[in-house]
Amino acid sequence: MRSTKNLPANKRSAEILSKSAALSVFALFIIFVYKCPIRMIFGIECPGCGLKRAFRAAVSLDFTSAFHYHPLFPLIGVLCLYVVLTVFFPKLRVFKKAELVIGIVTLLLLAAVWIYRIFF
């Protein structure tokens, strides 16, 4: 990803606006259209199944249901917020090793929840 640091103000604003528009369209697609292809094809939930329902429940302040839909929704939400913020503010990035470790731990936790859901 290129840096917006050396761009003129109007080009920097245009780039930020285009990134915002792309993220908004992606978020709307995920919220209103997306259906899990793994669940449709294989009949089992994927590691991310339930996240959308969990976030909808959390927005409605129904945290019991949110944790029931997906217990990792707060972690995934914080990570998504971090990714979005680092797109707009690259200086917020922490060390790449820390990001790698956090990513691996998150994937392991998602796998653990997925395996638990499949067998229990």
PDB file of N, CA and C in Angstrom:
ATOM      1  N   MET A   1       0.855  -1.164   0.000  1.00  0.00           N
ATOM      2  CA  MET A   1       0.000   0.000   0.000  1.00  0.00           C
ATOM      3  C   MET A   1       0.900   1.226   0.000  1.00  0.00           C
ATOM      4  N   ARG A   2       0.574   2.156  -0.833  1.00  0.00           N
ATOM      5  CA  ARG A   2       1.411   3.347  -0.909  1.00  0.00           C
ATOM      6  C   ARG A   2       1.006   4.349   0.155  1.00  0.00           C
ATOM      7  N   SER A   3       1.926   5.188   0.492  1.00  0.00           N
ATOM      8  CA  SER A   3       1.702   6.184   1.533  1.00  0.00           C
ATOM      9  C   SER A   3       1.066   7.430   0.935  1.00  0.00           C
ATOM     10  N   THR A   4       0.182   8.062   1.693  1.00  0.00           N
ATOM     11  CA  THR A   4      -0.441   9.311   1.246  1.00  0.00           C
ATOM     12  C   THR A   4       0.321  10.514   1.773  1.00  0.00           C
ATOM     13  N   LYS A   5       1.456  10.265   2.390  1.00  0.00           N
ATOM     14  CA  LYS A   5       2.218  11.320   3.056  1.00  0.00           C
ATOM     15  C   LYS A   5       2.706  12.400   2.087  1.00  0.00           C
ATOM     16  N   ASN A   6       3.175  11.999   0.894  1.00  0.00           N
ATOM     17  CA  ASN A   6       3.762  12.949  -0.043  1.00  0.00           C
ATOM     18  C   ASN A   6       2.790  13.476  -1.083  1.00  0.00           C
ATOM     19  N   LEU A   7       1.538  13.110  -1.005  1.00  0.00           N
ATOM     20  CA  LEU A   7       0.546  13.579  -1.969  1.00  0.00           C
ATOM     21  C   LEU A   7       0.030  14.956  -1.586  1.00  0.00           C
ATOM     22  N   PRO A   8      -0.373  15.743  -2.583  1.00  0.00           N
ATOM     23  CA  PRO A   8      -1.028  17.020  -2.261  1.00  0.00           C
ATOM     24  C   PRO A   8      -2.327  16.781  -1.511  1.00  0.00           C
ATOM     25  N   ALA A   9      -2.783  17.805  -0.812  1.00  0.00           N
ATOM     26  CA  ALA A   9      -3.965  17.656   0.053  1.00  0.00           C
ATOM     27  C   ALA A   9      -5.191  17.183  -0.707  1.00  0.00           C
ATOM     28  N   ASN A  10      -5.450  17.707  -1.904  1.00  0.00           N
ATOM     29  CA  ASN A  10      -6.664  17.310  -2.632  1.00  0.00           C
ATOM     30  C   ASN A  10      -6.586  15.857  -3.093  1.00  0.00           C
ATOM     31  N   LYS A  11      -5.403  15.385  -3.487  1.00  0.00           N
ATOM     32  CA  LYS A  11      -5.274  13.983  -3.881  1.00  0.00           C
ATOM     33  C   LYS A  11      -5.369  13.068  -2.666  1.00  0.00           C
ATOM     34  N   ARG A  12      -4.822  13.512  -1.554  1.00  0.00           N
ATOM     35  CA  ARG A  12      -4.898  12.728  -0.320  1.00  0.00           C
ATOM     36  C   ARG A  12      -6.357  12.600   0.124  1.00  0.00           C
ATOM     37  N   SER A  13      -7.106  13.700   0.035  1.00  0.00           N
ATOM     38  CA  SER A  13      -8.530  13.665   0.393  1.00  0.00           C
ATOM     39  C   SER A  13      -9.306  12.749  -0.535  1.00  0.00           C
ATOM     40  N   ALA A  14      -8.981  12.810  -1.827  1.00  0.00           N
ATOM     41  CA  ALA A  14      -9.669  11.949  -2.791  1.00  0.00           C
ATOM     42  C   ALA A  14      -9.371  10.481  -2.517  1.00  0.00           C
ATOM     43  N   GLU A  15      -8.127  10.173  -2.147  1.00  0.00           N
ATOM     44  CA  GLU A  15      -7.779   8.783  -1.856  1.00  0.00           C
ATOM     45  C   GLU A  15      -8.495   8.299  -0.598  1.00  0.00           C
ATOM     46  N   ILE A  16      -8.545   9.127   0.407  1.00  0.00           N
ATOM     47  CA  ILE A  16      -9.246   8.749   1.639  1.00  0.00           C
ATOM     48  C   ILE A  16     -10.733   8.574   1.365  1.00  0.00           C
ATOM     49  N   LEU A  17     -11.307   9.439   0.561  1.00  0.00           N
ATOM     50  CA  LEU A  17     -12.728   9.330   0.207  1.00  0.00           C
ATOM     51  C   LEU A  17     -12.994   8.044  -0.571  1.00  0.00           C
ATOM     52  N   SER A  18     -12.109   7.706  -1.504  1.00  0.00           N
ATOM     53  CA  SER A  18     -12.324   6.486  -2.285  1.00  0.00           C
ATOM     54  C   SER A  18     -12.184   5.238  -1.404  1.00  0.00           C
ATOM     55  N   LYS A  19     -11.235   5.253  -0.460  1.00  0.00           N
ATOM     56  CA  LYS A  19     -11.110   4.125   0.464  1.00  0.00           C
ATOM     57  C   LYS A  19     -12.344   4.012   1.351  1.00  0.00           C
ATOM     58  N   SER A  20     -12.854   5.149   1.794  1.00  0.00           N
ATOM     59  CA  SER A  20     -14.066   5.142   2.626  1.00  0.00           C
ATOM     60  C   SER A  20     -15.240   4.579   1.859  1.00  0.00           C
ATOM     61  N   ALA A  21     -15.384   4.987   0.613  1.00  0.00           N
ATOM     62  CA  ALA A  21     -16.491   4.494  -0.205  1.00  0.00           C
ATOM     63  C   ALA A  21     -16.367   2.986  -0.428  1.00  0.00           C
ATOM     64  N   ALA A  22     -15.155   2.515  -0.718  1.00  0.00           N
ATOM     65  CA  ALA A  22     -14.952   1.083  -0.943  1.00  0.00           C
ATOM     66  C   ALA A  22     -15.262   0.279   0.315  1.00  0.00           C
ATOM     67  N   LEU A  23     -14.795   0.760   1.472  1.00  0.00           N
ATOM     68  CA  LEU A  23     -15.084   0.061   2.728  1.00  0.00           C
ATOM     69  C   LEU A  23     -16.574   0.082   3.048  1.00  0.00           C
ATOM     70  N   SER A  24     -17.247   1.167   2.743  1.00  0.00           N
ATOM     71  CA  SER A  24     -18.684   1.260   3.001  1.00  0.00           C
ATOM     72  C   SER A  24     -19.462   0.279   2.138  1.00  0.00           C
ATOM     73  N   VAL A  25     -19.108   0.211   0.862  1.00  0.00           N
ATOM     74  CA  VAL A  25     -19.790  -0.725  -0.041  1.00  0.00           C
ATOM     75  C   VAL A  25     -19.538  -2.160   0.411  1.00  0.00           C
ATOM     76  N   PHE A  26     -18.306  -2.463   0.783  1.00  0.00           N
ATOM     77  CA  PHE A  26     -17.974  -3.804   1.264  1.00  0.00           C
ATOM     78  C   PHE A  26     -18.762  -4.135   2.530  1.00  0.00           C
ATOM     79  N   ALA A  27     -18.830  -3.187   3.467  1.00  0.00           N
ATOM     80  CA  ALA A  27     -19.566  -3.413   4.718  1.00  0.00           C
ATOM     81  C   ALA A  27     -21.052  -3.634   4.441  1.00  0.00           C
ATOM     82  N   LEU A  28     -21.636  -2.850   3.554  1.00  0.00           N
ATOM     83  CA  LEU A  28     -23.055  -3.021   3.218  1.00  0.00           C
ATOM     84  C   LEU A  28     -23.298  -4.376   2.560  1.00  0.00           C
ATOM     85  N   PHE A  29     -22.379  -4.799   1.702  1.00  0.00           N
ATOM     86  CA  PHE A  29     -22.503  -6.110   1.076  1.00  0.00           C
ATOM     87  C   PHE A  29     -22.485  -7.209   2.129  1.00  0.00           C
ATOM     88  N   ILE A  30     -21.535  -7.131   3.049  1.00  0.00           N
ATOM     89  CA  ILE A  30     -21.423  -8.148   4.097  1.00  0.00           C
ATOM     90  C   ILE A  30     -22.677  -8.165   4.966  1.00  0.00           C
ATOM     91  N   ILE A  31     -23.190  -7.002   5.319  1.00  0.00           N
ATOM     92  CA  ILE A  31     -24.323  -6.916   6.230  1.00  0.00           C
ATOM     93  C   ILE A  31     -25.616  -7.400   5.594  1.00  0.00           C
ATOM     94  N   PHE A  32     -25.865  -7.033   4.333  1.00  0.00           N
ATOM     95  CA  PHE A  32     -27.181  -7.285   3.757  1.00  0.00           C
ATOM     96  C   PHE A  32     -27.246  -8.394   2.704  1.00  0.00           C
ATOM     97  N   VAL A  33     -26.142  -8.769   2.080  1.00  0.00           N
ATOM     98  CA  VAL A  33     -26.209  -9.693   0.957  1.00  0.00           C
ATOM     99  C   VAL A  33     -25.527 -11.025   1.243  1.00  0.00           C
ATOM    100  N   TYR A  34     -24.390 -10.998   1.877  1.00  0.00           N
ATOM    101  CA  TYR A  34     -23.498 -12.144   1.976  1.00  0.00           C
ATOM    102  C   TYR A  34     -24.143 -13.336   2.679  1.00  0.00           C
ATOM    103  N   LYS A  35     -24.020 -14.481   2.062  1.00  0.00           N
ATOM    104  CA  LYS A  35     -24.408 -15.761   2.656  1.00  0.00           C
ATOM    105  C   LYS A  35     -23.175 -16.655   2.627  1.00  0.00           C
ATOM    106  N   CYS A  36     -22.954 -17.418   3.661  1.00  0.00           N
ATOM    107  CA  CYS A  36     -21.750 -18.231   3.793  1.00  0.00           C
ATOM    108  C   CYS A  36     -21.728 -19.351   2.743  1.00  0.00           C
ATOM    109  N   PRO A  37     -20.746 -19.333   1.836  1.00  0.00           N
ATOM    110  CA  PRO A  37     -20.687 -20.385   0.813  1.00  0.00           C
ATOM    111  C   PRO A  37     -20.343 -21.758   1.388  1.00  0.00           C
ATOM    112  N   ILE A  38     -19.536 -21.813   2.444  1.00  0.00           N
ATOM    113  CA  ILE A  38     -19.193 -23.112   3.047  1.00  0.00           C
ATOM    114  C   ILE A  38     -20.430 -23.760   3.641  1.00  0.00           C
ATOM    115  N   ARG A  39     -21.244 -22.956   4.306  1.00  0.00           N
ATOM    116  CA  ARG A  39     -22.467 -23.495   4.895  1.00  0.00           C
ATOM    117  C   ARG A  39     -23.460 -23.918   3.806  1.00  0.00           C
ATOM    118  N   MET A  40     -23.530 -23.151   2.719  1.00  0.00           N
ATOM    119  CA  MET A  40     -24.445 -23.492   1.629  1.00  0.00           C
ATOM    120  C   MET A  40     -24.012 -24.769   0.912  1.00  0.00           C
ATOM    121  N   ILE A  41     -22.713 -24.954   0.723  1.00  0.00           N
ATOM    122  CA  ILE A  41     -22.216 -26.105  -0.044  1.00  0.00           C
ATOM    123  C   ILE A  41     -22.084 -27.362   0.814  1.00  0.00           C
ATOM    124  N   PHE A  42     -21.442 -27.237   1.989  1.00  0.00           N
ATOM    125  CA  PHE A  42     -21.135 -28.411   2.804  1.00  0.00           C
ATOM    126  C   PHE A  42     -22.104 -28.650   3.955  1.00  0.00           C
ATOM    127  N   GLY A  43     -22.904 -27.661   4.302  1.00  0.00           N
ATOM    128  CA  GLY A  43     -23.864 -27.824   5.381  1.00  0.00           C
ATOM    129  C   GLY A  43     -23.277 -27.677   6.773  1.00  0.00           C
ATOM    130  N   ILE A  44     -22.007 -27.250   6.879  1.00  0.00           N
ATOM    131  CA  ILE A  44     -21.413 -26.986   8.182  1.00  0.00           C
ATOM    132  C   ILE A  44     -21.018 -25.511   8.239  1.00  0.00           C
ATOM    133  N   GLU A  45     -20.964 -25.005   9.449  1.00  0.00           N
ATOM    134  CA  GLU A  45     -20.616 -23.607   9.605  1.00  0.00           C
ATOM    135  C   GLU A  45     -19.122 -23.399   9.390  1.00  0.00           C
ATOM    136  N   CYS A  46     -18.773 -22.247   8.832  1.00  0.00           N
ATOM    137  CA  CYS A  46     -17.363 -21.879   8.694  1.00  0.00           C
ATOM    138  C   CYS A  46     -16.909 -21.219   9.997  1.00  0.00           C
ATOM    139  N   PRO A  47     -15.616 -20.961  10.166  1.00  0.00           N
ATOM    140  CA  PRO A  47     -15.151 -20.331  11.408  1.00  0.00           C
ATOM    141  C   PRO A  47     -15.762 -18.955  11.665  1.00  0.00           C
ATOM    142  N   GLY A  48     -16.196 -18.278  10.636  1.00  0.00           N
ATOM    143  CA  GLY A  48     -16.761 -16.942  10.814  1.00  0.00           C
ATOM    144  C   GLY A  48     -18.278 -16.915  10.886  1.00  0.00           C
ATOM    145  N   CYS A  49     -18.918 -18.058  10.732  1.00  0.00           N
ATOM    146  CA  CYS A  49     -20.382 -18.077  10.794  1.00  0.00           C
ATOM    147  C   CYS A  49     -20.856 -17.581  12.158  1.00  0.00           C
ATOM    148  N   GLY A  50     -21.811 -16.713  12.139  1.00  0.00           N
ATOM    149  CA  GLY A  50     -22.375 -16.164  13.356  1.00  0.00           C
ATOM    150  C   GLY A  50     -21.837 -14.781  13.702  1.00  0.00           C
ATOM    151  N   LEU A  51     -20.751 -14.368  13.042  1.00  0.00           N
ATOM    152  CA  LEU A  51     -20.187 -13.057  13.365  1.00  0.00           C
ATOM    153  C   LEU A  51     -21.144 -11.923  13.017  1.00  0.00           C
ATOM    154  N   LYS A  52     -21.769 -12.022  11.859  1.00  0.00           N
ATOM    155  CA  LYS A  52     -22.698 -10.961  11.456  1.00  0.00           C
ATOM    156  C   LYS A  52     -23.871 -10.893  12.429  1.00  0.00           C
ATOM    157  N   ARG A  53     -24.412 -12.045  12.785  1.00  0.00           N
ATOM    158  CA  ARG A  53     -25.511 -12.068  13.753  1.00  0.00           C
ATOM    159  C   ARG A  53     -25.056 -11.554  15.112  1.00  0.00           C
ATOM    160  N   ALA A  54     -23.814 -11.893  15.491  1.00  0.00           N
ATOM    161  CA  ALA A  54     -23.281 -11.431  16.778  1.00  0.00           C
ATOM    162  C   ALA A  54     -23.154  -9.909  16.796  1.00  0.00           C
ATOM    163  N   PHE A  55     -22.651  -9.336  15.722  1.00  0.00           N
ATOM    164  CA  PHE A  55     -22.521  -7.878  15.673  1.00  0.00           C
ATOM    165  C   PHE A  55     -23.880  -7.189  15.652  1.00  0.00           C
ATOM    166  N   ARG A  56     -24.832  -7.786  14.937  1.00  0.00           N
ATOM    167  CA  ARG A  56     -26.189  -7.204  14.942  1.00  0.00           C
ATOM    168  C   ARG A  56     -26.789  -7.239  16.349  1.00  0.00           C
ATOM    169  N   ALA A  57     -26.593  -8.349  17.051  1.00  0.00           N
ATOM    170  CA  ALA A  57     -27.110  -8.465  18.417  1.00  0.00           C
ATOM    171  C   ALA A  57     -26.401  -7.480  19.339  1.00  0.00           C
ATOM    172  N   ALA A  58     -25.092  -7.310  19.174  1.00  0.00           N
ATOM    173  CA  ALA A  58     -24.337  -6.376  20.016  1.00  0.00           C
ATOM    174  C   ALA A  58     -24.790  -4.941  19.779  1.00  0.00           C
ATOM    175  N   VAL A  59     -25.088  -4.604  18.533  1.00  0.00           N
ATOM    176  CA  VAL A  59     -25.593  -3.260  18.241  1.00  0.00           C
ATOM    177  C   VAL A  59     -26.933  -3.041  18.920  1.00  0.00           C
ATOM    178  N   SER A  60     -27.710  -4.107  19.063  1.00  0.00           N
ATOM    179  CA  SER A  60     -28.995  -4.032  19.765  1.00  0.00           C
ATOM    180  C   SER A  60     -28.832  -4.180  21.277  1.00  0.00           C
ATOM    181  N   LEU A  61     -27.579  -4.223  21.743  1.00  0.00           N
ATOM    182  CA  LEU A  61     -27.232  -4.363  23.159  1.00  0.00           C
ATOM    183  C   LEU A  61     -27.681  -5.691  23.765  1.00  0.00           C
ATOM    184  N   ASP A  62     -27.813  -6.707  22.941  1.00  0.00           N
ATOM    185  CA  ASP A  62     -28.145  -8.050  23.389  1.00  0.00           C
ATOM    186  C   ASP A  62     -26.866  -8.892  23.385  1.00  0.00           C
ATOM    187  N   PHE A  63     -26.018  -8.674  24.391  1.00  0.00           N
ATOM    188  CA  PHE A  63     -24.705  -9.295  24.410  1.00  0.00           C
ATOM    189  C   PHE A  63     -24.759 -10.791  24.697  1.00  0.00           C
ATOM    190  N   THR A  64     -25.784 -11.253  25.384  1.00  0.00           N
ATOM    191  CA  THR A  64     -25.921 -12.688  25.627  1.00  0.00           C
ATOM    192  C   THR A  64     -26.099 -13.424  24.303  1.00  0.00           C
ATOM    193  N   SER A  65     -26.980 -12.923  23.468  1.00  0.00           N
ATOM    194  CA  SER A  65     -27.173 -13.532  22.146  1.00  0.00           C
ATOM    195  C   SER A  65     -25.933 -13.375  21.288  1.00  0.00           C
ATOM    196  N   ALA A  66     -25.281 -12.228  21.391  1.00  0.00           N
ATOM    197  CA  ALA A  66     -24.078 -11.988  20.594  1.00  0.00           C
ATOM    198  C   ALA A  66     -23.004 -13.018  20.909  1.00  0.00           C
ATOM    199  N   PHE A  67     -22.771 -13.293  22.182  1.00  0.00           N
ATOM    200  CA  PHE A  67     -21.785 -14.298  22.556  1.00  0.00           C
ATOM    201  C   PHE A  67     -22.246 -15.702  22.171  1.00  0.00           C
ATOM    202  N   HIS A  68     -23.533 -15.922  22.165  1.00  0.00           N
ATOM    203  CA  HIS A  68     -24.055 -17.218  21.732  1.00  0.00           C
ATOM    204  C   HIS A  68     -23.801 -17.420  20.229  1.00  0.00           C
ATOM    205  N   TYR A  69     -24.012 -16.394  19.429  1.00  0.00           N
ATOM    206  CA  TYR A  69     -23.792 -16.503  17.981  1.00  0.00           C
ATOM    207  C   TYR A  69     -22.325 -16.726  17.648  1.00  0.00           C
ATOM    208  N   HIS A  70     -21.436 -15.972  18.286  1.00  0.00           N
ATOM    209  CA  HIS A  70     -19.997 -16.160  18.071  1.00  0.00           C
ATOM    210  C   HIS A  70     -19.237 -15.569  19.248  1.00  0.00           C
ATOM    211  N   PRO A  71     -18.544 -16.412  20.026  1.00  0.00           N
ATOM    212  CA  PRO A  71     -17.885 -15.918  21.243  1.00  0.00           C
ATOM    213  C   PRO A  71     -16.693 -14.999  20.983  1.00  0.00           C
ATOM    214  N   LEU A  72     -16.166 -14.972  19.777  1.00  0.00           N
ATOM    215  CA  LEU A  72     -15.001 -14.140  19.484  1.00  0.00           C
ATOM    216  C   LEU A  72     -15.360 -12.801  18.829  1.00  0.00           C
ATOM    217  N   PHE A  73     -16.627 -12.433  18.817  1.00  0.00           N
ATOM    218  CA  PHE A  73     -17.003 -11.217  18.108  1.00  0.00           C
ATOM    219  C   PHE A  73     -16.307  -9.962  18.636  1.00  0.00           C
ATOM    220  N   PRO A  74     -16.037  -9.819  19.955  1.00  0.00           N
ATOM    221  CA  PRO A  74     -15.333  -8.595  20.375  1.00  0.00           C
ATOM    222  C   PRO A  74     -13.902  -8.536  19.813  1.00  0.00           C
ATOM    223  N   LEU A  75     -13.211  -9.670  19.828  1.00  0.00           N
ATOM    224  CA  LEU A  75     -11.848  -9.707  19.310  1.00  0.00           C
ATOM    225  C   LEU A  75     -11.821  -9.403  17.821  1.00  0.00           C
ATOM    226  N   ILE A  76     -12.699 -10.027  17.073  1.00  0.00           N
ATOM    227  CA  ILE A  76     -12.753  -9.802  15.630  1.00  0.00           C
ATOM    228  C   ILE A  76     -13.134  -8.355  15.334  1.00  0.00           C
ATOM    229  N   GLY A  77     -14.052  -7.803  16.121  1.00  0.00           N
ATOM    230  CA  GLY A  77     -14.441  -6.404  15.937  1.00  0.00           C
ATOM    231  C   GLY A  77     -13.283  -5.451  16.162  1.00  0.00           C
ATOM    232  N   VAL A  78     -12.513  -5.689  17.208  1.00  0.00           N
ATOM    233  CA  VAL A  78     -11.352  -4.834  17.491  1.00  0.00           C
ATOM    234  C   VAL A  78     -10.311  -4.967  16.375  1.00  0.00           C
ATOM    235  N   LEU A  79     -10.079  -6.176  15.907  1.00  0.00           N
ATOM    236  CA  LEU A  79      -9.121  -6.373  14.819  1.00  0.00           C
ATOM    237  C   LEU A  79      -9.581  -5.701  13.529  1.00  0.00           C
ATOM    238  N   CYS A  80     -10.862  -5.799  13.212  1.00  0.00           N
ATOM    239  CA  CYS A  80     -11.389  -5.123  12.017  1.00  0.00           C
ATOM    240  C   CYS A  80     -11.245  -3.608  12.151  1.00  0.00           C
ATOM    241  N   LEU A  81     -11.540  -3.085  13.322  1.00  0.00           N
ATOM    242  CA  LEU A  81     -11.380  -1.646  13.555  1.00  0.00           C
ATOM    243  C   LEU A  81      -9.916  -1.243  13.392  1.00  0.00           C
ATOM    244  N   TYR A  82      -9.003  -2.047  13.903  1.00  0.00           N
ATOM    245  CA  TYR A  82      -7.573  -1.763  13.761  1.00  0.00           C
ATOM    246  C   TYR A  82      -7.166  -1.727  12.288  1.00  0.00           C
ATOM    247  N   VAL A  83      -7.636  -2.709  11.516  1.00  0.00           N
ATOM    248  CA  VAL A  83      -7.299  -2.755  10.087  1.00  0.00           C
ATOM    249  C   VAL A  83      -7.834  -1.521   9.373  1.00  0.00           C
ATOM    250  N   VAL A  84      -9.075  -1.160   9.637  1.00  0.00           N
ATOM    251  CA  VAL A  84      -9.660   0.016   8.998  1.00  0.00           C
ATOM    252  C   VAL A  84      -8.893   1.278   9.386  1.00  0.00           C
ATOM    253  N   LEU A  85      -8.554   1.417  10.658  1.00  0.00           N
ATOM    254  CA  LEU A  85      -7.817   2.608  11.089  1.00  0.00           C
ATOM    255  C   LEU A  85      -6.423   2.672  10.472  1.00  0.00           C
ATOM    256  N   THR A  86      -5.763   1.534  10.329  1.00  0.00           N
ATOM    257  CA  THR A  86      -4.426   1.563   9.740  1.00  0.00           C
ATOM    258  C   THR A  86      -4.463   1.837   8.239  1.00  0.00           C
ATOM    259  N   VAL A  87      -5.602   1.595   7.599  1.00  0.00           N
ATOM    260  CA  VAL A  87      -5.730   1.981   6.193  1.00  0.00           C
ATOM    261  C   VAL A  87      -5.694   3.501   6.076  1.00  0.00           C
ATOM    262  N   PHE A  88      -6.383   4.169   6.980  1.00  0.00           N
ATOM    263  CA  PHE A  88      -6.464   5.629   6.914  1.00  0.00           C
ATOM    264  C   PHE A  88      -5.313   6.323   7.640  1.00  0.00           C
ATOM    265  N   PHE A  89      -4.791   5.691   8.663  1.00  0.00           N
ATOM    266  CA  PHE A  89      -3.712   6.276   9.458  1.00  0.00           C
ATOM    267  C   PHE A  89      -2.580   5.263   9.586  1.00  0.00           C
ATOM    268  N   PRO A  90      -1.718   5.151   8.569  1.00  0.00           N
ATOM    269  CA  PRO A  90      -0.657   4.136   8.579  1.00  0.00           C
ATOM    270  C   PRO A  90       0.306   4.254   9.759  1.00  0.00           C
ATOM    271  N   LYS A  91       0.413   5.409  10.375  1.00  0.00           N
ATOM    272  CA  LYS A  91       1.317   5.563  11.510  1.00  0.00           C
ATOM    273  C   LYS A  91       0.829   4.814  12.750  1.00  0.00           C
ATOM    274  N   LEU A  92      -0.423   4.374  12.759  1.00  0.00           N
ATOM    275  CA  LEU A  92      -0.964   3.632  13.899  1.00  0.00           C
ATOM    276  C   LEU A  92      -0.500   2.181  13.936  1.00  0.00           C
ATOM    277  N   ARG A  93       0.135   1.724  12.867  1.00  0.00           N
ATOM    278  CA  ARG A  93       0.568   0.322  12.818  1.00  0.00           C
ATOM    279  C   ARG A  93       1.586   0.032  13.906  1.00  0.00           C
ATOM    280  N   VAL A  94       1.405  -1.109  14.558  1.00  0.00           N
ATOM    281  CA  VAL A  94       2.382  -1.562  15.541  1.00  0.00           C
ATOM    282  C   VAL A  94       3.436  -2.377  14.809  1.00  0.00           C
ATOM    283  N   PHE A  95       4.318  -2.980  15.528  1.00  0.00           N
ATOM    284  CA  PHE A  95       5.365  -3.784  14.911  1.00  0.00           C
ATOM    285  C   PHE A  95       4.753  -4.928  14.119  1.00  0.00           C
ATOM    286  N   LYS A  96       5.362  -5.228  12.977  1.00  0.00           N
ATOM    287  CA  LYS A  96       4.834  -6.283  12.114  1.00  0.00           C
ATOM    288  C   LYS A  96       4.855  -7.644  12.803  1.00  0.00           C
ATOM    289  N   LYS A  97       5.840  -7.884  13.664  1.00  0.00           N
ATOM    290  CA  LYS A  97       5.879  -9.151  14.400  1.00  0.00           C
ATOM    291  C   LYS A  97       4.675  -9.275  15.324  1.00  0.00           C
ATOM    292  N   ALA A  98       4.319  -8.178  15.977  1.00  0.00           N
ATOM    293  CA  ALA A  98       3.152  -8.202  16.870  1.00  0.00           C
ATOM    294  C   ALA A  98       1.882  -8.462  16.070  1.00  0.00           C
ATOM    295  N   GLU A  99       1.767  -7.841  14.898  1.00  0.00           N
ATOM    296  CA  GLU A  99       0.592  -8.084  14.055  1.00  0.00           C
ATOM    297  C   GLU A  99       0.536  -9.539  13.625  1.00  0.00           C
ATOM    298  N   LEU A 100       1.688 -10.115  13.296  1.00  0.00           N
ATOM    299  CA  LEU A 100       1.732 -11.520  12.892  1.00  0.00           C
ATOM    300  C   LEU A 100       1.317 -12.434  14.035  1.00  0.00           C
ATOM    301  N   VAL A 101       1.821 -12.186  15.219  1.00  0.00           N
ATOM    302  CA  VAL A 101       1.472 -13.010  16.382  1.00  0.00           C
ATOM    303  C   VAL A 101      -0.019 -12.886  16.693  1.00  0.00           C
ATOM    304  N   ILE A 102      -0.541 -11.667  16.676  1.00  0.00           N
ATOM    305  CA  ILE A 102      -1.970 -11.460  16.938  1.00  0.00           C
ATOM    306  C   ILE A 102      -2.807 -12.162  15.882  1.00  0.00           C
ATOM    307  N   GLY A 103      -2.386 -12.095  14.629  1.00  0.00           N
ATOM    308  CA  GLY A 103      -3.105 -12.775  13.556  1.00  0.00           C
ATOM    309  C   GLY A 103      -3.116 -14.282  13.728  1.00  0.00           C
ATOM    310  N   ILE A 104      -1.976 -14.849  14.081  1.00  0.00           N
ATOM    311  CA  ILE A 104      -1.884 -16.307  14.269  1.00  0.00           C
ATOM    312  C   ILE A 104      -2.732 -16.749  15.462  1.00  0.00           C
ATOM    313  N   VAL A 105      -2.665 -16.006  16.559  1.00  0.00           N
ATOM    314  CA  VAL A 105      -3.477 -16.344  17.738  1.00  0.00           C
ATOM    315  C   VAL A 105      -4.961 -16.259  17.403  1.00  0.00           C
ATOM    316  N   THR A 106      -5.353 -15.234  16.654  1.00  0.00           N
ATOM    317  CA  THR A 106      -6.754 -15.101  16.261  1.00  0.00           C
ATOM    318  C   THR A 106      -7.197 -16.273  15.396  1.00  0.00           C
ATOM    319  N   LEU A 107      -6.364 -16.657  14.442  1.00  0.00           N
ATOM    320  CA  LEU A 107      -6.710 -17.806  13.595  1.00  0.00           C
ATOM    321  C   LEU A 107      -6.813 -19.093  14.405  1.00  0.00           C
ATOM    322  N   LEU A 108      -5.925 -19.284  15.365  1.00  0.00           N
ATOM    323  CA  LEU A 108      -6.004 -20.470  16.222  1.00  0.00           C
ATOM    324  C   LEU A 108      -7.275 -20.463  17.068  1.00  0.00           C
ATOM    325  N   LEU A 109      -7.631 -19.299  17.596  1.00  0.00           N
ATOM    326  CA  LEU A 109      -8.878 -19.203  18.368  1.00  0.00           C
ATOM    327  C   LEU A 109     -10.093 -19.475  17.490  1.00  0.00           C
ATOM    328  N   LEU A 110     -10.097 -18.933  16.269  1.00  0.00           N
ATOM    329  CA  LEU A 110     -11.201 -19.204  15.344  1.00  0.00           C
ATOM    330  C   LEU A 110     -11.291 -20.695  15.030  1.00  0.00           C
ATOM    331  N   ALA A 111     -10.147 -21.334  14.823  1.00  0.00           N
ATOM    332  CA  ALA A 111     -10.136 -22.772  14.548  1.00  0.00           C
ATOM    333  C   ALA A 111     -10.651 -23.559  15.745  1.00  0.00           C
ATOM    334  N   ALA A 112     -10.268 -23.148  16.941  1.00  0.00           N
ATOM    335  CA  ALA A 112     -10.731 -23.842  18.147  1.00  0.00           C
ATOM    336  C   ALA A 112     -12.247 -23.726  18.301  1.00  0.00           C
ATOM    337  N   VAL A 113     -12.782 -22.532  18.089  1.00  0.00           N
ATOM    338  CA  VAL A 113     -14.240 -22.342  18.174  1.00  0.00           C
ATOM    339  C   VAL A 113     -14.933 -23.165  17.098  1.00  0.00           C
ATOM    340  N   TRP A 114     -14.371 -23.197  15.906  1.00  0.00           N
ATOM    341  CA  TRP A 114     -14.963 -23.945  14.800  1.00  0.00           C
ATOM    342  C   TRP A 114     -14.999 -25.434  15.113  1.00  0.00           C
ATOM    343  N   ILE A 115     -13.885 -25.969  15.594  1.00  0.00           N
ATOM    344  CA  ILE A 115     -13.841 -27.400  15.932  1.00  0.00           C
ATOM    345  C   ILE A 115     -14.817 -27.718  17.058  1.00  0.00           C
ATOM    346  N   TYR A 116     -14.889 -26.852  18.043  1.00  0.00           N
ATOM    347  CA  TYR A 116     -15.832 -27.057  19.144  1.00  0.00           C
ATOM    348  C   TYR A 116     -17.266 -27.096  18.611  1.00  0.00           C
ATOM    349  N   ARG A 117     -17.608 -26.163  17.711  1.00  0.00           N
ATOM    350  CA  ARG A 117     -18.969 -26.121  17.156  1.00  0.00           C
ATOM    351  C   ARG A 117     -19.301 -27.358  16.328  1.00  0.00           C
ATOM    352  N   ILE A 118     -18.321 -27.868  15.626  1.00  0.00           N
ATOM    353  CA  ILE A 118     -18.567 -29.042  14.769  1.00  0.00           C
ATOM    354  C   ILE A 118     -18.829 -30.288  15.616  1.00  0.00           C
ATOM    355  N   PHE A 119     -18.045 -30.480  16.677  1.00  0.00           N
ATOM    356  CA  PHE A 119     -18.124 -31.718  17.426  1.00  0.00           C
ATOM    357  C   PHE A 119     -18.981 -31.654  18.683  1.00  0.00           C
ATOM    358  N   PHE A 120     -19.346 -30.469  19.132  1.00  0.00           N
ATOM    359  CA  PHE A 120     -20.139 -30.386  20.350  1.00  0.00           C
ATOM    360  C   PHE A 120     -21.383 -29.650  20.106  1.00  0.00           C
TER     361      PHE A 120
END
